[in-house]
Amino acid sequence: MDEIEKAAFTRLRRVRARMRRDDGHVVAVRFSYGGNPSREDLRALRHFPHLRDIDFYGTLVDSGVLAELGHLSKVESINLNCTAVDSEALRQLRRFSKLRRLEMMDTAVADDAAEVLLGFESLNSVRLDGCRLSAATVARLLQQRAIETLLIDGVQASPACMAALVDNSLMRDVTLVGPEVADETVSLLAGACALRQLGLVRTSVTSKALAALAGWPNLEVLSLNDSSGITDAAIPALLAHQAFQFLGLHGTAISPEGRAALAAAFPSAWVNIPHSSKVAELREG
């Protein structure tokens, strides 16, 4: 690192930023919770010409800060979750031609930024839940870009969006969030046979929806966290699927006995079960 880069490194360490270096240069920066970096602290990123990954989660980043970072030609991943960025701020990212991953949960980015979003030709991973992009714009994105990883909310998960998702043969990882996601939504994913990871988080999905597992032979990771409509009635469908490496069951209505049965059936998988003597007893039995 040259002296300017070293000074920027020291400055960001003071606000508890986590930085990763490669060949002596800072390539990734993550702003930690509680560090409270100022906008001037964020602007120090401009002194890291080798940056590839920036995590702005919950910071004061805005269009002014992003405008000063446009020369960072190697940036591939940006996390803007839970920030005050809007469509104007997103326009400042246009020069990031190598951008592959973009997260914008709970931001004010809306449909007037659609053309900017569609302009990222290398984009293959997006998180859009809680932002103001419509289902129609999300569907356009899925139709025009080779998205492999997608996280959206139930409002965005329209039939057209789900159809575009199924038509995308590269889609590997999908997470749908929110009570608007119901059994009917999951049924629209039945043709997405290339899926390897699926999250149905805080949804209204019931056990009946898991009949769709038969159409996802490659599915290895399934998270049903905080979907309380999933009960022991889902166990037969889960047991019939042999490829699981991870099952997320926190906040479901599956009983301790049911979770223990699943853990026994998938000994090499991670099944998040409660730590209780009853479960231990069931495992030993």
C-alpha atoms as a PDB file:
ATOM      1  CA  MET A   1       0.000   0.000   0.000  1.00  0.00           C
ATOM      2  CA  ASP A   2       1.172   3.544  -0.677  1.00  0.00           C
ATOM      3  CA  GLU A   3       0.987   6.241   2.005  1.00  0.00           C
ATOM      4  CA  ILE A   4      -2.451   7.486   0.914  1.00  0.00           C
ATOM      5  CA  GLU A   5      -3.884   3.989   1.022  1.00  0.00           C
ATOM      6  CA  LYS A   6      -2.286   3.366   4.423  1.00  0.00           C
ATOM      7  CA  ALA A   7      -3.865   6.556   5.798  1.00  0.00           C
ATOM      8  CA  ALA A   8      -7.286   5.484   4.518  1.00  0.00           C
ATOM      9  CA  PHE A   9      -6.775   2.037   6.051  1.00  0.00           C
ATOM     10  CA  THR A  10      -5.956   3.561   9.435  1.00  0.00           C
ATOM     11  CA  ARG A  11      -8.955   5.880   9.248  1.00  0.00           C
ATOM     12  CA  LEU A  12     -11.378   3.039   8.574  1.00  0.00           C
ATOM     13  CA  ARG A  13      -9.895   0.890  11.309  1.00  0.00           C
ATOM     14  CA  ARG A  14     -10.870   3.643  13.756  1.00  0.00           C
ATOM     15  CA  VAL A  15     -14.545   3.167  12.804  1.00  0.00           C
ATOM     16  CA  ARG A  16     -14.276  -0.623  13.180  1.00  0.00           C
ATOM     17  CA  ALA A  17     -14.380  -1.387   9.464  1.00  0.00           C
ATOM     18  CA  ARG A  18     -13.321  -4.907   8.607  1.00  0.00           C
ATOM     19  CA  MET A  19     -10.927  -5.034   5.688  1.00  0.00           C
ATOM     20  CA  ARG A  20      -9.453  -7.849   3.685  1.00  0.00           C
ATOM     21  CA  ARG A  21      -6.194  -7.487   1.795  1.00  0.00           C
ATOM     22  CA  ASP A  22      -4.825  -9.367  -1.179  1.00  0.00           C
ATOM     23  CA  ASP A  23      -1.215  -8.949  -2.246  1.00  0.00           C
ATOM     24  CA  GLY A  24      -0.959  -6.010   0.146  1.00  0.00           C
ATOM     25  CA  HIS A  25      -3.951  -4.097  -1.235  1.00  0.00           C
ATOM     26  CA  VAL A  26      -7.391  -3.670   0.346  1.00  0.00           C
ATOM     27  CA  VAL A  27      -9.904  -5.609  -1.768  1.00  0.00           C
ATOM     28  CA  ALA A  28     -12.908  -5.813   0.570  1.00  0.00           C
ATOM     29  CA  VAL A  29     -14.388  -3.479   3.201  1.00  0.00           C
ATOM     30  CA  ARG A  30     -17.256  -4.207   5.567  1.00  0.00           C
ATOM     31  CA  PHE A  31     -18.542  -1.531   7.912  1.00  0.00           C
ATOM     32  CA  SER A  32     -19.350  -3.137  11.247  1.00  0.00           C
ATOM     33  CA  TYR A  33     -22.437  -2.464  13.306  1.00  0.00           C
ATOM     34  CA  GLY A  34     -21.740   0.255  15.847  1.00  0.00           C
ATOM     35  CA  GLY A  35     -18.779   1.764  14.043  1.00  0.00           C
ATOM     36  CA  ASN A  36     -20.881   4.769  12.926  1.00  0.00           C
ATOM     37  CA  PRO A  37     -18.666   5.854  10.025  1.00  0.00           C
ATOM     38  CA  SER A  38     -19.231   9.397   8.797  1.00  0.00           C
ATOM     39  CA  ARG A  39     -19.692  10.224   5.131  1.00  0.00           C
ATOM     40  CA  GLU A  40     -16.094  11.438   5.101  1.00  0.00           C
ATOM     41  CA  ASP A  41     -15.021   8.051   6.434  1.00  0.00           C
ATOM     42  CA  LEU A  42     -16.960   6.375   3.618  1.00  0.00           C
ATOM     43  CA  ARG A  43     -15.299   8.636   1.069  1.00  0.00           C
ATOM     44  CA  ALA A  44     -11.933   7.223   2.161  1.00  0.00           C
ATOM     45  CA  LEU A  45     -12.794   4.168   0.083  1.00  0.00           C
ATOM     46  CA  ARG A  46     -11.781   6.125  -2.995  1.00  0.00           C
ATOM     47  CA  HIS A  47      -8.156   5.533  -2.007  1.00  0.00           C
ATOM     48  CA  PHE A  48      -8.456   1.744  -2.453  1.00  0.00           C
ATOM     49  CA  PRO A  49      -8.111   1.239  -6.235  1.00  0.00           C
ATOM     50  CA  HIS A  50      -8.176  -2.552  -5.921  1.00  0.00           C
ATOM     51  CA  LEU A  51     -11.512  -2.744  -4.096  1.00  0.00           C
ATOM     52  CA  ARG A  52     -13.796  -5.550  -5.244  1.00  0.00           C
ATOM     53  CA  ASP A  53     -16.328  -5.867  -2.412  1.00  0.00           C
ATOM     54  CA  ILE A  54     -17.965  -3.046  -0.389  1.00  0.00           C
ATOM     55  CA  ASP A  55     -20.510  -3.615   2.375  1.00  0.00           C
ATOM     56  CA  PHE A  56     -22.272  -0.354   3.281  1.00  0.00           C
ATOM     57  CA  TYR A  57     -24.998  -2.013   5.383  1.00  0.00           C
ATOM     58  CA  GLY A  58     -26.758   0.524   7.596  1.00  0.00           C
ATOM     59  CA  THR A  59     -24.325   3.369   6.919  1.00  0.00           C
ATOM     60  CA  LEU A  60     -24.873   6.976   5.800  1.00  0.00           C
ATOM     61  CA  VAL A  61     -23.870   6.223   2.206  1.00  0.00           C
ATOM     62  CA  ASP A  62     -25.638   8.463  -0.312  1.00  0.00           C
ATOM     63  CA  SER A  63     -25.352   9.572  -3.927  1.00  0.00           C
ATOM     64  CA  GLY A  64     -22.568  12.020  -3.044  1.00  0.00           C
ATOM     65  CA  VAL A  65     -20.396   9.280  -1.548  1.00  0.00           C
ATOM     66  CA  LEU A  66     -21.062   6.891  -4.420  1.00  0.00           C
ATOM     67  CA  ALA A  67     -20.275   9.595  -6.986  1.00  0.00           C
ATOM     68  CA  GLU A  68     -16.717   9.735  -5.612  1.00  0.00           C
ATOM     69  CA  LEU A  69     -16.203   6.001  -6.006  1.00  0.00           C
ATOM     70  CA  GLY A  70     -17.046   5.627  -9.677  1.00  0.00           C
ATOM     71  CA  HIS A  71     -13.373   5.299 -10.648  1.00  0.00           C
ATOM     72  CA  LEU A  72     -13.073   2.023  -8.691  1.00  0.00           C
ATOM     73  CA  SER A  73     -13.193  -0.119 -11.794  1.00  0.00           C
ATOM     74  CA  LYS A  74     -12.715  -3.475 -10.053  1.00  0.00           C
ATOM     75  CA  VAL A  75     -15.813  -3.374  -7.818  1.00  0.00           C
ATOM     76  CA  GLU A  76     -17.884  -6.547  -8.208  1.00  0.00           C
ATOM     77  CA  SER A  77     -20.106  -6.560  -5.103  1.00  0.00           C
ATOM     78  CA  ILE A  78     -21.973  -3.810  -3.230  1.00  0.00           C
ATOM     79  CA  ASN A  79     -24.252  -4.156  -0.214  1.00  0.00           C
ATOM     80  CA  LEU A  80     -26.573  -1.153   0.234  1.00  0.00           C
ATOM     81  CA  ASN A  81     -29.041  -2.887   2.551  1.00  0.00           C
ATOM     82  CA  CYS A  82     -30.799  -0.701   5.111  1.00  0.00           C
ATOM     83  CA  THR A  83     -29.311   2.540   3.822  1.00  0.00           C
ATOM     84  CA  ALA A  84     -30.994   5.732   2.613  1.00  0.00           C
ATOM     85  CA  VAL A  85     -29.923   5.268  -0.991  1.00  0.00           C
ATOM     86  CA  ASP A  86     -32.517   5.977  -3.659  1.00  0.00           C
ATOM     87  CA  SER A  87     -32.728   5.792  -7.434  1.00  0.00           C
ATOM     88  CA  GLU A  88     -30.431   8.775  -7.850  1.00  0.00           C
ATOM     89  CA  ALA A  89     -27.786   7.086  -5.728  1.00  0.00           C
ATOM     90  CA  LEU A  90     -28.067   3.927  -7.819  1.00  0.00           C
ATOM     91  CA  ARG A  91     -27.322   5.966 -10.930  1.00  0.00           C
ATOM     92  CA  GLN A  92     -23.917   6.740  -9.466  1.00  0.00           C
ATOM     93  CA  LEU A  93     -23.027   3.065  -9.846  1.00  0.00           C
ATOM     94  CA  ARG A  94     -23.289   3.109 -13.633  1.00  0.00           C
ATOM     95  CA  ARG A  95     -19.517   3.102 -14.053  1.00  0.00           C
ATOM     96  CA  PHE A  96     -19.137  -0.150 -12.116  1.00  0.00           C
ATOM     97  CA  SER A  97     -19.082  -2.239 -15.269  1.00  0.00           C
ATOM     98  CA  LYS A  98     -17.922  -5.380 -13.452  1.00  0.00           C
ATOM     99  CA  LEU A  99     -20.707  -5.350 -10.852  1.00  0.00           C
ATOM    100  CA  ARG A 100     -21.940  -8.888 -10.270  1.00  0.00           C
ATOM    101  CA  ARG A 101     -23.683  -8.698  -6.885  1.00  0.00           C
ATOM    102  CA  LEU A 102     -26.003  -5.951  -5.631  1.00  0.00           C
ATOM    103  CA  GLU A 103     -28.066  -5.878  -2.434  1.00  0.00           C
ATOM    104  CA  MET A 104     -30.669  -3.155  -1.842  1.00  0.00           C
ATOM    105  CA  MET A 105     -32.965  -4.443   0.917  1.00  0.00           C
ATOM    106  CA  ASP A 106     -35.172  -1.785   2.526  1.00  0.00           C
ATOM    107  CA  THR A 107     -33.989   1.090   0.354  1.00  0.00           C
ATOM    108  CA  ALA A 108     -35.889   3.724  -1.624  1.00  0.00           C
ATOM    109  CA  VAL A 109     -34.662   2.494  -5.007  1.00  0.00           C
ATOM    110  CA  ALA A 110     -37.693   2.462  -7.295  1.00  0.00           C
ATOM    111  CA  ASP A 111     -38.725   1.745 -10.869  1.00  0.00           C
ATOM    112  CA  ASP A 112     -37.243   4.993 -12.175  1.00  0.00           C
ATOM    113  CA  ALA A 113     -33.851   3.301 -11.716  1.00  0.00           C
ATOM    114  CA  ALA A 114     -34.847   0.253 -13.771  1.00  0.00           C
ATOM    115  CA  GLU A 115     -32.683   1.113 -16.763  1.00  0.00           C
ATOM    116  CA  VAL A 116     -29.647   1.572 -14.520  1.00  0.00           C
ATOM    117  CA  LEU A 117     -30.240  -1.820 -12.934  1.00  0.00           C
ATOM    118  CA  LEU A 118     -30.687  -3.457 -16.324  1.00  0.00           C
ATOM    119  CA  GLY A 119     -27.487  -1.811 -17.511  1.00  0.00           C
ATOM    120  CA  PHE A 120     -25.283  -3.974 -15.281  1.00  0.00           C
ATOM    121  CA  GLU A 121     -24.468  -6.627 -17.857  1.00  0.00           C
ATOM    122  CA  SER A 122     -22.484  -8.843 -15.474  1.00  0.00           C
ATOM    123  CA  LEU A 123     -25.068  -8.789 -12.676  1.00  0.00           C
ATOM    124  CA  ASN A 124     -25.919 -12.293 -11.451  1.00  0.00           C
ATOM    125  CA  SER A 125     -26.907 -11.865  -7.779  1.00  0.00           C
ATOM    126  CA  VAL A 126     -29.483  -9.432  -6.372  1.00  0.00           C
ATOM    127  CA  ARG A 127     -31.313  -8.792  -3.109  1.00  0.00           C
ATOM    128  CA  LEU A 128     -34.343  -6.567  -3.591  1.00  0.00           C
ATOM    129  CA  ASP A 129     -36.781  -7.278  -0.742  1.00  0.00           C
ATOM    130  CA  GLY A 130     -38.253  -4.189   0.834  1.00  0.00           C
ATOM    131  CA  CYS A 131     -37.086  -1.797  -1.871  1.00  0.00           C
ATOM    132  CA  ARG A 132     -39.563  -0.027  -4.165  1.00  0.00           C
ATOM    133  CA  LEU A 133     -38.944  -1.974  -7.345  1.00  0.00           C
ATOM    134  CA  SER A 134     -42.170  -3.394  -8.719  1.00  0.00           C
ATOM    135  CA  ALA A 135     -42.806  -6.994  -9.683  1.00  0.00           C
ATOM    136  CA  ALA A 136     -42.786  -5.931 -13.336  1.00  0.00           C
ATOM    137  CA  THR A 137     -39.280  -4.498 -13.061  1.00  0.00           C
ATOM    138  CA  VAL A 138     -38.022  -7.589 -11.234  1.00  0.00           C
ATOM    139  CA  ALA A 139     -39.511  -9.749 -13.997  1.00  0.00           C
ATOM    140  CA  ARG A 140     -37.707  -7.643 -16.624  1.00  0.00           C
ATOM    141  CA  LEU A 141     -34.454  -8.089 -14.762  1.00  0.00           C
ATOM    142  CA  LEU A 142     -34.900 -11.860 -14.685  1.00  0.00           C
ATOM    143  CA  GLN A 143     -35.732 -11.907 -18.373  1.00  0.00           C
ATOM    144  CA  GLN A 144     -32.766  -9.800 -19.462  1.00  0.00           C
ATOM    145  CA  ARG A 145     -29.964 -10.803 -17.104  1.00  0.00           C
ATOM    146  CA  ALA A 146     -28.451 -14.177 -16.184  1.00  0.00           C
ATOM    147  CA  ILE A 147     -29.406 -13.970 -12.517  1.00  0.00           C
ATOM    148  CA  GLU A 148     -28.252 -16.954 -10.458  1.00  0.00           C
ATOM    149  CA  THR A 149     -29.067 -15.726  -6.930  1.00  0.00           C
ATOM    150  CA  LEU A 150     -32.285 -13.849  -6.124  1.00  0.00           C
ATOM    151  CA  LEU A 151     -33.886 -12.579  -2.924  1.00  0.00           C
ATOM    152  CA  ILE A 152     -37.229 -10.783  -3.255  1.00  0.00           C
ATOM    153  CA  ASP A 153     -40.334 -10.221  -1.167  1.00  0.00           C
ATOM    154  CA  GLY A 154     -43.852 -11.508  -1.674  1.00  0.00           C
ATOM    155  CA  VAL A 155     -45.073  -8.300  -3.284  1.00  0.00           C
ATOM    156  CA  GLN A 156     -42.450  -8.686  -6.008  1.00  0.00           C
ATOM    157  CA  ALA A 157     -43.077 -12.417  -6.484  1.00  0.00           C
ATOM    158  CA  SER A 158     -45.837 -12.063  -9.078  1.00  0.00           C
ATOM    159  CA  PRO A 159     -46.809 -14.864 -11.480  1.00  0.00           C
ATOM    160  CA  ALA A 160     -44.889 -13.074 -14.250  1.00  0.00           C
ATOM    161  CA  CYS A 161     -41.838 -12.833 -12.028  1.00  0.00           C
ATOM    162  CA  MET A 162     -42.039 -16.507 -11.092  1.00  0.00           C
ATOM    163  CA  ALA A 163     -42.437 -17.465 -14.754  1.00  0.00           C
ATOM    164  CA  ALA A 164     -39.301 -15.487 -15.639  1.00  0.00           C
ATOM    165  CA  LEU A 165     -37.484 -17.168 -12.774  1.00  0.00           C
ATOM    166  CA  VAL A 166     -38.433 -20.643 -13.978  1.00  0.00           C
ATOM    167  CA  ASP A 167     -37.375 -19.779 -17.540  1.00  0.00           C
ATOM    168  CA  ASN A 168     -33.926 -18.773 -16.272  1.00  0.00           C
ATOM    169  CA  SER A 169     -31.960 -22.017 -16.465  1.00  0.00           C
ATOM    170  CA  LEU A 170     -29.050 -20.483 -14.510  1.00  0.00           C
ATOM    171  CA  MET A 171     -31.111 -19.766 -11.382  1.00  0.00           C
ATOM    172  CA  ARG A 172     -29.598 -21.663  -8.465  1.00  0.00           C
ATOM    173  CA  ASP A 173     -30.507 -19.790  -5.283  1.00  0.00           C
ATOM    174  CA  VAL A 174     -33.913 -18.203  -4.555  1.00  0.00           C
ATOM    175  CA  THR A 175     -35.246 -16.688  -1.335  1.00  0.00           C
ATOM    176  CA  LEU A 176     -38.806 -15.400  -1.037  1.00  0.00           C
ATOM    177  CA  VAL A 177     -39.618 -13.305   2.028  1.00  0.00           C
ATOM    178  CA  GLY A 178     -42.836 -12.130   3.639  1.00  0.00           C
ATOM    179  CA  PRO A 179     -46.419 -13.166   4.365  1.00  0.00           C
ATOM    180  CA  GLU A 180     -47.527 -12.499   0.782  1.00  0.00           C
ATOM    181  CA  VAL A 181     -45.620 -15.639  -0.218  1.00  0.00           C
ATOM    182  CA  ALA A 182     -48.156 -18.472  -0.083  1.00  0.00           C
ATOM    183  CA  ASP A 183     -48.600 -22.018  -1.390  1.00  0.00           C
ATOM    184  CA  GLU A 184     -49.702 -20.652  -4.760  1.00  0.00           C
ATOM    185  CA  THR A 185     -46.414 -18.763  -5.096  1.00  0.00           C
ATOM    186  CA  VAL A 186     -44.379 -21.896  -4.429  1.00  0.00           C
ATOM    187  CA  SER A 187     -46.416 -23.891  -6.944  1.00  0.00           C
ATOM    188  CA  LEU A 188     -45.293 -21.449  -9.645  1.00  0.00           C
ATOM    189  CA  LEU A 189     -41.690 -22.520  -8.970  1.00  0.00           C
ATOM    190  CA  ALA A 190     -42.385 -26.162  -9.773  1.00  0.00           C
ATOM    191  CA  GLY A 191     -40.440 -26.009 -13.041  1.00  0.00           C
ATOM    192  CA  ALA A 192     -37.283 -24.493 -11.569  1.00  0.00           C
ATOM    193  CA  CYS A 193     -35.511 -27.852 -11.585  1.00  0.00           C
ATOM    194  CA  ALA A 194     -32.001 -26.369 -11.393  1.00  0.00           C
ATOM    195  CA  LEU A 195     -32.566 -24.873  -7.928  1.00  0.00           C
ATOM    196  CA  ARG A 196     -29.954 -25.794  -5.345  1.00  0.00           C
ATOM    197  CA  GLN A 197     -31.010 -23.420  -2.558  1.00  0.00           C
ATOM    198  CA  LEU A 198     -34.483 -22.185  -1.623  1.00  0.00           C
ATOM    199  CA  GLY A 199     -35.531 -19.922   1.225  1.00  0.00           C
ATOM    200  CA  LEU A 200     -39.155 -19.405   2.245  1.00  0.00           C
ATOM    201  CA  VAL A 201     -38.732 -16.993   5.128  1.00  0.00           C
ATOM    202  CA  ARG A 202     -41.507 -15.426   7.237  1.00  0.00           C
ATOM    203  CA  THR A 203     -44.039 -16.661   4.694  1.00  0.00           C
ATOM    204  CA  SER A 204     -47.625 -17.955   4.781  1.00  0.00           C
ATOM    205  CA  VAL A 205     -46.556 -21.200   3.121  1.00  0.00           C
ATOM    206  CA  THR A 206     -48.053 -24.401   4.538  1.00  0.00           C
ATOM    207  CA  SER A 207     -46.875 -27.992   4.539  1.00  0.00           C
ATOM    208  CA  LYS A 208     -48.869 -28.706   1.372  1.00  0.00           C
ATOM    209  CA  ALA A 209     -46.506 -26.543  -0.654  1.00  0.00           C
ATOM    210  CA  LEU A 210     -43.605 -28.921  -0.036  1.00  0.00           C
ATOM    211  CA  ALA A 211     -45.064 -31.416  -2.463  1.00  0.00           C
ATOM    212  CA  ALA A 212     -43.132 -29.296  -4.978  1.00  0.00           C
ATOM    213  CA  LEU A 213     -39.879 -30.788  -3.629  1.00  0.00           C
ATOM    214  CA  ALA A 214     -40.306 -33.604  -6.130  1.00  0.00           C
ATOM    215  CA  GLY A 215     -39.667 -31.085  -8.900  1.00  0.00           C
ATOM    216  CA  TRP A 216     -36.366 -29.867  -7.409  1.00  0.00           C
ATOM    217  CA  PRO A 217     -34.089 -32.924  -7.525  1.00  0.00           C
ATOM    218  CA  ASN A 218     -30.941 -30.811  -7.076  1.00  0.00           C
ATOM    219  CA  LEU A 219     -32.155 -28.868  -4.038  1.00  0.00           C
ATOM    220  CA  GLU A 220     -29.550 -29.068  -1.266  1.00  0.00           C
ATOM    221  CA  VAL A 221     -30.484 -26.156   1.007  1.00  0.00           C
ATOM    222  CA  LEU A 222     -34.011 -25.393   2.212  1.00  0.00           C
ATOM    223  CA  SER A 223     -34.767 -22.672   4.753  1.00  0.00           C
ATOM    224  CA  LEU A 224     -38.311 -22.467   6.105  1.00  0.00           C
ATOM    225  CA  ASN A 225     -37.430 -20.160   8.979  1.00  0.00           C
ATOM    226  CA  ASP A 226     -40.317 -18.341  10.631  1.00  0.00           C
ATOM    227  CA  SER A 227     -42.891 -19.901   8.304  1.00  0.00           C
ATOM    228  CA  SER A 228     -45.227 -21.104  11.025  1.00  0.00           C
ATOM    229  CA  GLY A 229     -47.579 -22.888   8.598  1.00  0.00           C
ATOM    230  CA  ILE A 230     -44.976 -25.648   8.219  1.00  0.00           C
ATOM    231  CA  THR A 231     -45.982 -28.469  10.560  1.00  0.00           C
ATOM    232  CA  ASP A 232     -45.258 -32.161  11.017  1.00  0.00           C
ATOM    233  CA  ALA A 233     -47.424 -32.732   7.940  1.00  0.00           C
ATOM    234  CA  ALA A 234     -44.399 -31.598   5.915  1.00  0.00           C
ATOM    235  CA  ILE A 235     -42.161 -34.388   7.235  1.00  0.00           C
ATOM    236  CA  PRO A 236     -43.028 -37.066   4.618  1.00  0.00           C
ATOM    237  CA  ALA A 237     -42.181 -34.699   1.760  1.00  0.00           C
ATOM    238  CA  LEU A 238     -38.955 -33.669   3.489  1.00  0.00           C
ATOM    239  CA  LEU A 239     -37.944 -37.268   4.206  1.00  0.00           C
ATOM    240  CA  ALA A 240     -38.561 -38.228   0.580  1.00  0.00           C
ATOM    241  CA  HIS A 241     -35.953 -35.731  -0.586  1.00  0.00           C
ATOM    242  CA  GLN A 242     -32.482 -37.249  -0.336  1.00  0.00           C
ATOM    243  CA  ALA A 243     -30.191 -34.360  -1.292  1.00  0.00           C
ATOM    244  CA  PHE A 244     -30.430 -32.032   1.727  1.00  0.00           C
ATOM    245  CA  GLN A 245     -27.264 -30.561   3.171  1.00  0.00           C
ATOM    246  CA  PHE A 246     -29.106 -27.956   5.248  1.00  0.00           C
ATOM    247  CA  LEU A 247     -32.645 -27.650   6.613  1.00  0.00           C
ATOM    248  CA  GLY A 248     -33.672 -24.415   8.318  1.00  0.00           C
ATOM    249  CA  LEU A 249     -36.663 -25.045  10.548  1.00  0.00           C
ATOM    250  CA  HIS A 250     -36.400 -22.259  13.122  1.00  0.00           C
ATOM    251  CA  GLY A 251     -39.802 -20.701  13.771  1.00  0.00           C
ATOM    252  CA  THR A 252     -41.788 -23.445  12.057  1.00  0.00           C
ATOM    253  CA  ALA A 253     -44.424 -25.540  13.832  1.00  0.00           C
ATOM    254  CA  ILE A 254     -42.541 -28.800  13.331  1.00  0.00           C
ATOM    255  CA  SER A 255     -42.395 -30.582  16.665  1.00  0.00           C
ATOM    256  CA  PRO A 256     -39.184 -31.514  18.491  1.00  0.00           C
ATOM    257  CA  GLU A 257     -39.923 -35.127  17.630  1.00  0.00           C
ATOM    258  CA  GLY A 258     -40.296 -34.228  13.967  1.00  0.00           C
ATOM    259  CA  ARG A 259     -37.056 -32.271  13.948  1.00  0.00           C
ATOM    260  CA  ALA A 260     -35.227 -35.137  15.603  1.00  0.00           C
ATOM    261  CA  ALA A 261     -36.583 -37.542  12.989  1.00  0.00           C
ATOM    262  CA  LEU A 262     -35.312 -35.274  10.241  1.00  0.00           C
ATOM    263  CA  ALA A 263     -31.917 -34.939  11.887  1.00  0.00           C
ATOM    264  CA  ALA A 264     -31.663 -38.732  12.091  1.00  0.00           C
ATOM    265  CA  ALA A 265     -32.708 -39.116   8.453  1.00  0.00           C
ATOM    266  CA  PHE A 266     -30.085 -36.657   7.231  1.00  0.00           C
ATOM    267  CA  PRO A 267     -27.040 -37.362   9.422  1.00  0.00           C
ATOM    268  CA  SER A 268     -24.657 -35.510   7.111  1.00  0.00           C
ATOM    269  CA  ALA A 269     -26.906 -32.446   6.812  1.00  0.00           C
ATOM    270  CA  TRP A 270     -27.242 -29.502   9.171  1.00  0.00           C
ATOM    271  CA  VAL A 271     -30.757 -29.481  10.612  1.00  0.00           C
ATOM    272  CA  ASN A 272     -31.290 -26.633  13.075  1.00  0.00           C
ATOM    273  CA  ILE A 273     -33.058 -28.410  15.918  1.00  0.00           C
ATOM    274  CA  PRO A 274     -33.603 -27.207  19.492  1.00  0.00           C
ATOM    275  CA  HIS A 275     -30.995 -28.185  22.051  1.00  0.00           C
ATOM    276  CA  SER A 276     -33.101 -30.106  24.524  1.00  0.00           C
ATOM    277  CA  SER A 277     -32.905 -33.336  26.468  1.00  0.00           C
ATOM    278  CA  LYS A 278     -35.998 -34.567  24.642  1.00  0.00           C
ATOM    279  CA  VAL A 279     -34.267 -34.293  21.294  1.00  0.00           C
ATOM    280  CA  ALA A 280     -31.155 -36.001  22.651  1.00  0.00           C
ATOM    281  CA  GLU A 281     -33.356 -38.809  23.958  1.00  0.00           C
ATOM    282  CA  LEU A 282     -35.050 -39.198  20.585  1.00  0.00           C
ATOM    283  CA  ARG A 283     -31.708 -39.277  18.780  1.00  0.00           C
ATOM    284  CA  GLU A 284     -30.356 -41.963  21.110  1.00  0.00           C
ATOM    285  CA  GLY A 285     -33.526 -43.969  20.792  1.00  0.00           C
END
